[in-house]
């Protein structure tokens, strides 16, 4: 009989990159904090059966002899747009069914899951009755049979989809809770405030990847969902690409080992945190998501982790000091909540320092990591500004912003973004950012650039 292995616990490390030197009277300290998680996943051949939650009927449980790769407990809800617009062209709905089936096939045995059909209201497509199924050969086949019965019709109210997903995921006591959401249109049957309230209610309860298929959806809605729920966002212009994209998303979700990891920042008396941003693999401002966790201490959510590495830009304003003095500007910790609610487990730590000097060369040098990611954050910003100005008809403003974007992409070696920019502007000189706006730009090119504008490249070491 094949048996399951218990996953190994990932090991976290924190590295701090900065120029510790400040001029006399200097107050702003910048650092790039690289967090790396390694050693997760499954190991060895000694395996134990995955425990089936009590609320899930026995007939939905996988048998032990059918186990594939094992891993930590997880629950996933796939939300499929079934609104009327998914019928035009028919390949949209066909692609959505195939993509969801591919995602279901990628589920690890023992993972709890459900499929939600989304229109102007949310319905449980599988398994139903407020339950989650447990992935195995029987339940995968049942889910795919249910997918074949999905038909397009109705409007779009994404908040209802997310709230149903939240209720279903909350019925599981698993640590990793994840959603995958597919839409092809704008959220026209729900007020923006209602969606915002839903995102606020769901934040921290589960993560969610969001995808827009075709070119009739609103980029800021889809990216806003992914941002609020610490997931990824992307465009799949051709429905034929959905299955491969859903498979990749589910594979990534299945590799997650630890949930609810927080970046904890302690600062000394008189210091203040200016901002905390994730800067790789994408730009995500976490500053306003801080929750106080103690005297001069705040936690910033980072979501779930597998084997991966991410970079964060931390900026702290400290009290000024005289030449020769040194202080600890911040202590950065990775913390994980404990099941009993006691003090969280500290996974790793790093220190951000400040040293005041009268050496001009030392105090004015910009750390390569800080400089790189400052440019990457600006790149994401000017792309958004340039596209907004182009949409409003401000040709000169759009040209200036998108020209700066071309320059920054070229300087940092962000080739993927450079290629996307070249579909929106004619590049005369990348080094100087000299460009001309293209007279005609496809919706796919514009939306792809906007959706992927926050994706960054790591600094070259």
Protein backbone atom coordinates (compact mmCIF):
# COMPACT_ATOMS: atom_id res chain seq x y z
CA UNK A 1 0.00 0.00 0.00
CA UNK A 2 1.38 3.38 -0.97
CA UNK A 3 1.53 5.80 1.93
CA UNK A 4 1.84 9.54 2.40
CA UNK A 5 4.91 11.42 3.63
CA UNK A 6 4.77 14.17 6.15
CA UNK A 7 6.14 17.38 4.61
CA UNK A 8 9.35 18.83 5.94
CA UNK A 9 9.15 22.27 7.54
CA UNK A 10 10.73 25.01 5.41
CA UNK A 11 13.68 26.90 6.83
CA UNK A 12 13.59 30.69 6.57
CA UNK A 13 16.55 33.03 6.23
CA UNK A 14 16.73 36.83 6.24
CA UNK A 15 19.47 38.84 4.53
CA UNK A 16 19.71 42.63 4.78
CA UNK A 17 21.31 44.75 2.04
CA UNK A 18 21.93 48.43 2.77
CA UNK A 19 24.41 51.27 3.04
CA UNK A 20 24.52 51.74 6.80
CA UNK A 21 26.26 55.14 6.51
CA UNK A 22 24.34 58.38 6.97
CA UNK A 23 25.65 61.95 6.78
CA UNK A 24 25.56 64.08 9.90
CA UNK A 25 21.89 64.91 10.52
CA UNK A 26 20.74 62.18 8.11
CA UNK A 27 17.55 60.42 9.12
CA UNK A 28 16.32 58.11 6.34
CA UNK A 29 17.49 54.49 6.38
CA UNK A 30 16.74 52.22 3.41
CA UNK A 31 17.30 48.48 3.24
CA UNK A 32 16.36 45.57 1.02
CA UNK A 33 15.39 42.52 3.05
CA UNK A 34 15.63 39.22 1.18
CA UNK A 35 13.54 36.43 2.69
CA UNK A 36 14.19 32.89 1.49
CA UNK A 37 12.28 29.73 2.35
CA UNK A 38 13.98 26.43 1.56
CA UNK A 39 13.63 22.78 2.41
CA UNK A 40 9.86 22.46 2.14
CA UNK A 41 8.02 19.84 0.12
CA UNK A 42 7.90 16.12 0.68
CA UNK A 43 10.82 13.90 1.50
CA UNK A 44 11.48 10.20 1.75
CA UNK A 45 9.16 7.25 1.28
CA UNK A 46 7.86 6.86 4.83
CA UNK A 47 4.33 8.15 4.59
CA UNK A 48 1.27 8.58 6.74
CA UNK A 49 -2.31 8.91 5.46
CA UNK A 50 -3.75 12.39 5.16
CA UNK A 51 -6.44 12.96 7.75
CA UNK A 52 -9.90 13.61 6.35
CA UNK A 53 -11.72 16.44 8.19
CA UNK A 54 -14.75 15.17 10.09
CA UNK A 55 -17.21 17.41 8.25
CA UNK A 56 -16.40 15.79 4.88
CA UNK A 57 -18.45 12.68 4.07
CA UNK A 58 -16.51 9.42 3.91
CA UNK A 59 -17.63 8.73 0.35
CA UNK A 60 -15.74 11.86 -0.77
CA UNK A 61 -12.50 10.68 0.80
CA UNK A 62 -9.62 9.32 -1.32
CA UNK A 63 -8.48 5.79 -0.56
CA UNK A 64 -4.96 5.44 0.76
CA UNK A 65 -3.77 3.20 -2.09
CA UNK A 66 -4.49 5.93 -4.67
CA UNK A 67 -2.25 8.54 -3.06
CA UNK A 68 0.07 10.64 -5.16
CA UNK A 69 2.47 13.21 -3.76
CA UNK A 70 1.58 14.23 -0.23
CA UNK A 71 1.97 17.56 1.45
CA UNK A 72 0.57 19.85 4.10
CA UNK A 73 -3.15 20.24 4.64
CA UNK A 74 -4.67 22.64 2.13
CA UNK A 75 -8.05 23.77 0.82
CA UNK A 76 -8.74 25.32 -2.58
CA UNK A 77 -11.86 26.87 -4.12
CA UNK A 78 -11.96 27.54 -7.89
CA UNK A 79 -14.35 30.33 -8.93
CA UNK A 80 -15.41 30.13 -12.59
CA UNK A 81 -17.16 32.99 -14.36
CA UNK A 82 -20.39 31.63 -15.84
CA UNK A 83 -21.96 34.97 -16.81
CA UNK A 84 -23.66 35.41 -20.17
CA UNK A 85 -20.60 37.01 -21.78
CA UNK A 86 -18.69 33.73 -21.40
CA UNK A 87 -20.78 32.47 -24.34
CA UNK A 88 -19.13 34.90 -26.78
CA UNK A 89 -17.13 33.34 -28.28
CA UNK A 90 -18.02 29.79 -27.17
CA UNK A 91 -14.32 29.02 -26.76
CA UNK A 92 -14.37 31.07 -23.53
CA UNK A 93 -16.64 28.70 -21.67
CA UNK A 94 -14.97 25.68 -23.23
CA UNK A 95 -11.57 27.01 -22.17
CA UNK A 96 -12.83 27.72 -18.64
CA UNK A 97 -14.16 24.16 -18.27
CA UNK A 98 -10.92 22.67 -19.58
CA UNK A 99 -8.80 24.94 -17.38
CA UNK A 100 -10.76 24.10 -14.25
CA UNK A 101 -10.57 20.39 -15.08
CA UNK A 102 -6.80 20.72 -15.49
CA UNK A 103 -6.57 22.46 -12.11
CA UNK A 104 -8.64 19.71 -10.49
CA UNK A 105 -6.30 17.10 -11.99
CA UNK A 106 -3.36 18.96 -10.45
CA UNK A 107 -4.80 18.82 -6.92
CA UNK A 108 -2.78 16.72 -4.53
CA UNK A 109 -4.62 13.75 -2.97
CA UNK A 110 -6.07 14.72 0.38
CA UNK A 111 -6.56 18.41 -0.47
CA UNK A 112 -10.05 19.77 0.25
CA UNK A 113 -11.62 21.56 -2.72
CA UNK A 114 -14.76 22.98 -4.29
CA UNK A 115 -15.86 24.64 -7.53
CA UNK A 116 -18.03 27.79 -7.54
CA UNK A 117 -20.02 28.97 -10.57
CA UNK A 118 -20.11 32.75 -10.56
CA UNK A 119 -22.71 35.03 -12.15
CA UNK A 120 -24.68 37.85 -10.46
CA UNK A 121 -24.86 35.31 -7.66
CA UNK A 122 -22.58 32.50 -6.54
CA UNK A 123 -23.57 28.85 -6.76
CA UNK A 124 -21.80 25.72 -5.63
CA UNK A 125 -21.03 23.69 -8.74
CA UNK A 126 -19.25 20.91 -6.81
CA UNK A 127 -19.63 19.18 -4.39
CA UNK A 128 -22.55 21.28 -3.02
CA UNK A 129 -24.43 21.64 0.27
CA UNK A 130 -21.75 23.89 1.77
CA UNK A 131 -19.14 21.14 1.71
CA UNK A 132 -15.62 20.64 0.46
CA UNK A 133 -14.66 17.42 -1.29
CA UNK A 134 -11.35 15.67 -0.68
CA UNK A 135 -9.23 15.21 -3.80
CA UNK A 136 -8.91 11.65 -5.08
CA UNK A 137 -9.69 9.76 -8.30
CA UNK A 138 -13.43 9.55 -7.59
CA UNK A 139 -13.91 13.18 -6.57
CA UNK A 140 -11.79 14.48 -9.43
CA UNK A 141 -13.99 12.62 -11.89
CA UNK A 142 -17.16 13.84 -10.19
CA UNK A 143 -15.92 17.43 -10.31
CA UNK A 144 -15.13 17.19 -14.02
CA UNK A 145 -18.59 15.79 -14.70
CA UNK A 146 -20.07 18.76 -12.83
CA UNK A 147 -17.97 21.14 -14.94
CA UNK A 148 -19.50 19.79 -18.13
CA UNK A 149 -22.90 20.91 -16.83
CA UNK A 150 -21.84 24.54 -16.41
CA UNK A 151 -23.59 26.88 -18.87
CA UNK A 152 -23.20 30.66 -19.30
CA UNK A 153 -25.99 33.04 -18.32
CA UNK A 154 -26.57 35.97 -15.97
CA UNK A 155 -24.46 38.89 -14.79
CA UNK A 156 -21.29 39.45 -12.80
CA UNK A 157 -21.02 40.12 -9.04
CA UNK A 158 -17.55 38.96 -8.02
CA UNK A 159 -18.00 39.83 -4.36
CA UNK A 160 -20.62 37.10 -4.02
CA UNK A 161 -18.18 34.56 -5.47
CA UNK A 162 -15.50 35.52 -2.97
CA UNK A 163 -17.86 35.42 0.01
CA UNK A 164 -19.03 31.92 -0.92
CA UNK A 165 -15.41 30.82 -1.33
CA UNK A 166 -14.65 32.28 2.08
CA UNK A 167 -17.51 30.34 3.70
CA UNK A 168 -16.42 27.10 2.06
CA UNK A 169 -12.76 27.57 2.98
CA UNK A 170 -13.71 28.51 6.55
CA UNK A 171 -15.38 25.10 6.92
CA UNK A 172 -11.92 23.54 6.72
CA UNK A 173 -9.40 23.60 9.54
CA UNK A 174 -6.50 23.53 7.07
CA UNK A 175 -3.66 26.05 7.27
CA UNK A 176 -3.30 26.72 3.53
CA UNK A 177 -6.49 28.26 2.11
CA UNK A 178 -6.42 29.39 -1.48
CA UNK A 179 -8.74 30.62 -4.19
CA UNK A 180 -8.45 30.78 -7.98
CA UNK A 181 -10.78 33.23 -9.72
CA UNK A 182 -11.49 33.55 -13.44
CA UNK A 183 -13.54 36.35 -14.98
CA UNK A 184 -14.10 37.67 -18.49
CA UNK A 185 -15.99 40.86 -17.75
CA UNK A 186 -16.48 43.86 -15.52
CA UNK A 187 -18.12 43.62 -12.11
CA UNK A 188 -21.28 45.32 -13.40
CA UNK A 189 -23.89 43.81 -11.05
CA UNK A 190 -22.28 44.96 -7.82
CA UNK A 191 -21.28 48.37 -6.48
CA UNK A 192 -17.51 48.94 -6.18
CA UNK A 193 -18.00 49.57 -2.46
CA UNK A 194 -19.53 46.11 -2.05
CA UNK A 195 -16.54 44.43 -3.68
CA UNK A 196 -14.18 46.52 -1.56
CA UNK A 197 -16.03 45.49 1.61
CA UNK A 198 -15.81 41.84 0.56
CA UNK A 199 -12.07 42.11 -0.05
CA UNK A 200 -11.60 43.73 3.36
CA UNK A 201 -13.59 40.92 4.97
CA UNK A 202 -11.66 38.17 3.15
CA UNK A 203 -8.15 39.65 3.55
CA UNK A 204 -6.03 37.43 5.75
CA UNK A 205 -8.53 34.56 5.58
CA UNK A 206 -7.38 33.13 2.26
CA UNK A 207 -5.15 34.02 -0.66
CA UNK A 208 -6.45 34.28 -4.21
CA UNK A 209 -4.99 34.28 -7.72
CA UNK A 210 -7.12 36.18 -10.25
CA UNK A 211 -7.16 35.83 -14.02
CA UNK A 212 -8.90 37.83 -16.73
CA UNK A 213 -9.73 35.98 -19.94
CA UNK A 214 -10.19 37.88 -23.18
CA UNK A 215 -10.04 41.70 -23.18
CA UNK A 216 -13.45 42.85 -21.88
CA UNK A 217 -12.60 42.88 -18.17
CA UNK A 218 -11.29 45.70 -15.98
CA UNK A 219 -7.59 45.43 -15.14
CA UNK A 220 -7.80 47.40 -11.89
CA UNK A 221 -10.60 45.14 -10.62
CA UNK A 222 -8.67 41.93 -11.24
CA UNK A 223 -5.34 43.25 -9.97
CA UNK A 224 -7.11 44.78 -6.97
CA UNK A 225 -8.54 41.39 -6.00
CA UNK A 226 -5.14 39.71 -6.25
CA UNK A 227 -3.45 42.53 -4.35
CA UNK A 228 -5.94 42.52 -1.47
CA UNK A 229 -5.76 38.74 -1.13
CA UNK A 230 -1.98 38.40 -1.59
CA UNK A 231 -2.24 36.48 -4.85
CA UNK A 232 -1.16 36.94 -8.45
CA UNK A 233 -3.01 38.56 -11.35
CA UNK A 234 -2.58 38.05 -15.07
CA UNK A 235 -4.28 38.22 -18.44
CA UNK A 236 -5.05 35.18 -20.57
CA UNK A 237 -6.12 36.84 -23.81
CA UNK A 238 -6.62 33.56 -25.67
CA UNK A 239 -8.92 31.06 -23.89
CA UNK A 240 -6.77 28.28 -25.33
CA UNK A 241 -4.06 29.28 -22.84
CA UNK A 242 -6.25 28.90 -19.77
CA UNK A 243 -5.56 25.22 -19.07
CA UNK A 244 -1.78 25.69 -18.97
CA UNK A 245 -2.13 28.80 -16.80
CA UNK A 246 -4.53 27.12 -14.34
CA UNK A 247 -2.22 24.12 -14.10
CA UNK A 248 0.74 26.38 -13.22
CA UNK A 249 -1.33 28.25 -10.63
CA UNK A 250 -2.47 25.06 -8.96
CA UNK A 251 1.03 23.58 -9.00
CA UNK A 252 2.27 26.69 -7.21
CA UNK A 253 -0.57 26.51 -4.68
CA UNK A 254 0.21 22.85 -4.00
CA UNK A 255 3.82 23.76 -3.19
CA UNK A 256 2.83 26.12 -0.37
CA UNK A 257 3.96 24.77 2.99
CA UNK A 258 3.44 27.52 5.58
CA UNK A 259 0.58 30.01 5.87
CA UNK A 260 0.12 33.36 7.62
CA UNK A 261 3.80 34.32 7.80
CA UNK A 262 4.26 37.95 8.84
CA UNK A 263 7.16 40.35 8.44
CA UNK A 264 7.56 41.88 11.91
CA UNK A 265 9.32 45.23 12.22
CA UNK A 266 10.59 46.62 15.53
CA UNK A 267 11.86 50.20 15.56
CA UNK A 268 13.48 52.17 18.41
CA UNK A 269 11.97 55.09 20.30
CA UNK A 270 11.61 58.12 18.05
CA UNK A 271 11.81 56.16 14.80
CA UNK A 272 8.95 55.70 12.34
CA UNK A 273 8.38 53.32 9.48
CA UNK A 274 7.96 55.27 6.24
CA UNK A 275 7.03 52.25 4.14
CA UNK A 276 7.34 48.50 3.70
CA UNK A 277 7.01 47.20 0.15
CA UNK A 278 7.41 43.81 -1.44
CA UNK A 279 9.60 44.54 -4.48
CA UNK A 280 10.23 41.05 -5.90
CA UNK A 281 8.83 39.06 -7.59
CA UNK A 282 6.36 41.94 -7.91
CA UNK A 283 5.74 45.33 -6.33
CA UNK A 284 3.16 45.31 -3.54
CA UNK A 285 2.88 48.10 -0.97
CA UNK A 286 2.29 46.58 2.48
CA UNK A 287 2.59 49.82 4.47
CA UNK A 288 -1.12 50.28 5.19
CA UNK A 289 -1.57 46.60 6.10
CA UNK A 290 0.39 46.93 9.33
CA UNK A 291 -1.13 45.58 12.52
CA UNK A 292 0.47 46.59 15.81
CA UNK A 293 1.89 43.58 17.65
CA UNK A 294 3.64 45.21 20.60
CA UNK A 295 5.49 48.34 21.73
CA UNK A 296 7.03 49.92 18.60
CA UNK A 297 6.37 46.67 16.74
CA UNK A 298 4.15 46.00 13.73
CA UNK A 299 3.37 43.00 11.54
CA UNK A 300 3.01 43.07 7.75
CA UNK A 301 1.29 40.08 6.07
CA UNK A 302 3.23 38.06 3.50
CA UNK A 303 0.79 35.16 2.98
CA UNK A 304 1.78 31.57 2.27
CA UNK A 305 5.23 30.26 1.43
CA UNK A 306 6.74 27.32 -0.40
CA UNK A 307 10.34 27.05 -1.60
CA UNK A 308 10.88 30.62 -2.80
CA UNK A 309 12.60 33.94 -2.23
CA UNK A 310 11.11 37.44 -2.02
CA UNK A 311 12.58 40.90 -1.55
CA UNK A 312 11.16 43.71 0.60
CA UNK A 313 12.11 47.40 0.69
CA UNK A 314 12.03 48.79 4.23
CA UNK A 315 12.40 52.54 4.82
CA UNK A 316 12.71 53.87 8.38
CA UNK A 317 13.07 57.48 9.55
CA UNK A 318 15.28 57.64 12.65
CA UNK A 319 16.27 60.47 15.02
CA UNK A 320 19.36 62.32 13.80
CA UNK A 321 22.64 61.72 15.60
CA UNK A 322 26.20 63.00 15.69
CA UNK A 323 29.09 61.69 13.61
CA UNK A 324 30.48 58.49 15.03
CA UNK A 325 27.23 57.33 16.62
CA UNK A 326 25.54 54.08 15.65
CA UNK A 327 22.06 52.70 16.27
CA UNK A 328 19.81 49.78 15.44
CA UNK A 329 17.29 51.33 13.05
CA UNK A 330 15.04 48.27 12.84
CA UNK A 331 14.87 44.60 13.68
CA UNK A 332 13.20 42.51 10.98
CA UNK A 333 11.71 39.15 11.96
CA UNK A 334 9.71 36.48 10.17
CA UNK A 335 7.03 35.24 12.57
CA UNK A 336 4.45 32.47 12.43
CA UNK A 337 1.35 32.30 14.64
CA UNK A 338 1.19 29.39 17.08
CA UNK A 339 -1.89 27.14 17.25
CA UNK A 340 -2.49 27.93 20.92
CA UNK A 341 -2.35 31.68 20.38
CA UNK A 342 0.79 32.16 22.47
CA UNK A 343 3.82 34.13 21.34
CA UNK A 344 4.44 33.53 17.63
CA UNK A 345 7.34 31.46 16.45
CA UNK A 346 10.29 33.52 15.19
CA UNK A 347 11.52 31.92 11.98
CA UNK A 348 14.46 34.23 11.25
CA UNK A 349 15.76 37.73 11.94
CA UNK A 350 17.85 40.48 10.37
CA UNK A 351 19.09 43.87 11.54
CA UNK A 352 18.90 47.27 9.84
CA UNK A 353 21.62 49.62 11.11
CA UNK A 354 22.51 53.29 10.92
CA UNK A 355 26.01 54.76 11.35
CA UNK A 356 26.64 58.51 11.10
CA UNK A 357 29.82 59.56 9.28
CA UNK A 358 31.51 62.65 7.85
CA UNK A 359 32.88 60.58 4.96
CA UNK A 360 30.95 62.05 2.02
CA UNK A 361 31.69 59.17 -0.34
CA UNK A 362 30.52 56.60 2.20
CA UNK A 363 27.30 58.41 3.12
CA UNK A 364 26.22 59.23 -0.43
CA UNK A 365 26.82 55.80 -1.95
CA UNK A 366 23.54 54.06 -2.80
CA UNK A 367 23.38 50.35 -2.16
CA UNK A 368 22.98 48.45 -5.44
CA UNK A 369 19.97 46.49 -4.21
CA UNK A 370 18.20 49.61 -2.94
CA UNK A 371 18.91 51.49 -6.18
CA UNK A 372 17.67 48.60 -8.33
CA UNK A 373 14.38 48.14 -6.55
CA UNK A 374 13.73 51.86 -6.22
CA UNK A 375 13.93 51.90 -10.02
CA UNK A 376 11.66 48.86 -10.34
CA UNK A 377 9.03 50.48 -8.12
CA UNK A 378 9.23 53.67 -10.19
CA UNK A 379 8.92 51.56 -13.38
CA UNK A 380 5.61 50.10 -12.20
CA UNK A 381 4.36 53.54 -11.22
CA UNK A 382 5.22 55.35 -14.46
CA UNK A 383 3.69 52.58 -16.59
CA UNK A 384 0.38 52.98 -14.75
CA UNK A 385 0.58 56.77 -14.99
CA UNK A 386 1.50 56.64 -18.67
CA UNK A 387 -1.38 54.34 -19.59
CA UNK A 388 -3.84 56.46 -17.61
CA UNK A 389 -2.61 59.63 -19.37
CA UNK A 390 -2.86 57.94 -22.77
CA UNK A 391 -6.43 56.91 -22.00
CA UNK A 392 -7.32 60.49 -21.05
CA UNK A 393 -5.83 61.85 -24.28
CA UNK A 394 -2.72 63.52 -22.80
CA UNK A 395 -0.24 62.52 -25.51
CA UNK A 396 2.70 64.55 -24.18
CA UNK A 397 2.26 63.32 -20.62
CA UNK A 398 1.85 59.72 -21.69
CA UNK A 399 4.91 59.93 -23.94
CA UNK A 400 7.04 61.30 -21.09
CA UNK A 401 5.93 58.66 -18.58
CA UNK A 402 6.17 55.70 -20.95
CA UNK A 403 9.53 56.98 -22.19
CA UNK A 404 10.79 56.97 -18.61
CA UNK A 405 9.43 53.43 -18.28
CA UNK A 406 11.40 52.31 -21.34
CA UNK A 407 14.53 53.90 -19.89
CA UNK A 408 14.07 52.19 -16.50
CA UNK A 409 13.31 48.80 -18.07
CA UNK A 410 16.41 49.06 -20.25
CA UNK A 411 18.61 50.16 -17.36
CA UNK A 412 17.51 47.36 -15.04
CA UNK A 413 17.48 44.58 -17.62
CA UNK A 414 13.74 44.01 -17.31
CA UNK A 415 13.43 42.49 -20.77
CA UNK A 416 9.88 41.18 -20.38
CA UNK A 417 8.53 44.64 -19.50
CA UNK A 418 10.62 46.21 -22.28
CA UNK A 419 8.98 43.89 -24.82
CA UNK A 420 5.50 44.78 -23.55
CA UNK A 421 6.31 48.51 -23.71
CA UNK A 422 7.48 48.10 -27.32
CA UNK A 423 3.93 47.08 -28.25
CA UNK A 424 2.60 50.40 -26.93
CA UNK A 425 5.35 52.82 -28.00
CA UNK A 426 7.90 53.04 -30.79
CA UNK A 427 11.29 53.11 -29.08
CA UNK A 428 13.69 55.63 -30.62
CA UNK A 429 16.40 55.44 -27.94
CA UNK A 430 15.90 53.18 -24.93
CA UNK A 431 18.86 54.58 -23.00
CA UNK A 432 17.44 58.11 -23.02
CA UNK A 433 13.80 57.06 -22.92
CA UNK A 434 12.99 58.67 -26.26
CA UNK A 435 9.76 57.16 -27.61
CA UNK A 436 6.71 57.88 -29.74
CA UNK A 437 3.23 56.66 -28.88
CA UNK A 438 1.89 54.12 -31.34
CA UNK A 439 -1.18 55.37 -33.16
CA UNK A 440 -3.00 52.07 -32.72
CA UNK A 441 -2.55 49.74 -29.77
CA UNK A 442 -4.51 46.52 -29.33
CA UNK A 443 -6.55 46.03 -26.17
CA UNK A 444 -4.51 42.89 -25.49
CA UNK A 445 -1.19 44.78 -25.64
CA UNK A 446 -2.43 47.61 -23.39
CA UNK A 447 -4.05 45.31 -20.83
CA UNK A 448 -1.09 42.94 -20.72
CA UNK A 449 1.30 45.82 -20.02
CA UNK A 450 -0.97 47.22 -17.31
CA UNK A 451 -1.60 43.85 -15.67
CA UNK A 452 2.08 42.87 -15.62
CA UNK A 453 3.49 46.32 -14.83
CA UNK A 454 4.28 45.38 -11.21
CA UNK A 455 6.36 42.31 -12.11
CA UNK A 456 10.02 42.92 -11.34
CA UNK A 457 13.39 41.36 -12.04
CA UNK A 458 15.87 40.48 -9.30
CA UNK A 459 19.02 42.54 -8.99
CA UNK A 460 21.97 41.07 -10.85
CA UNK A 461 24.51 39.74 -8.34
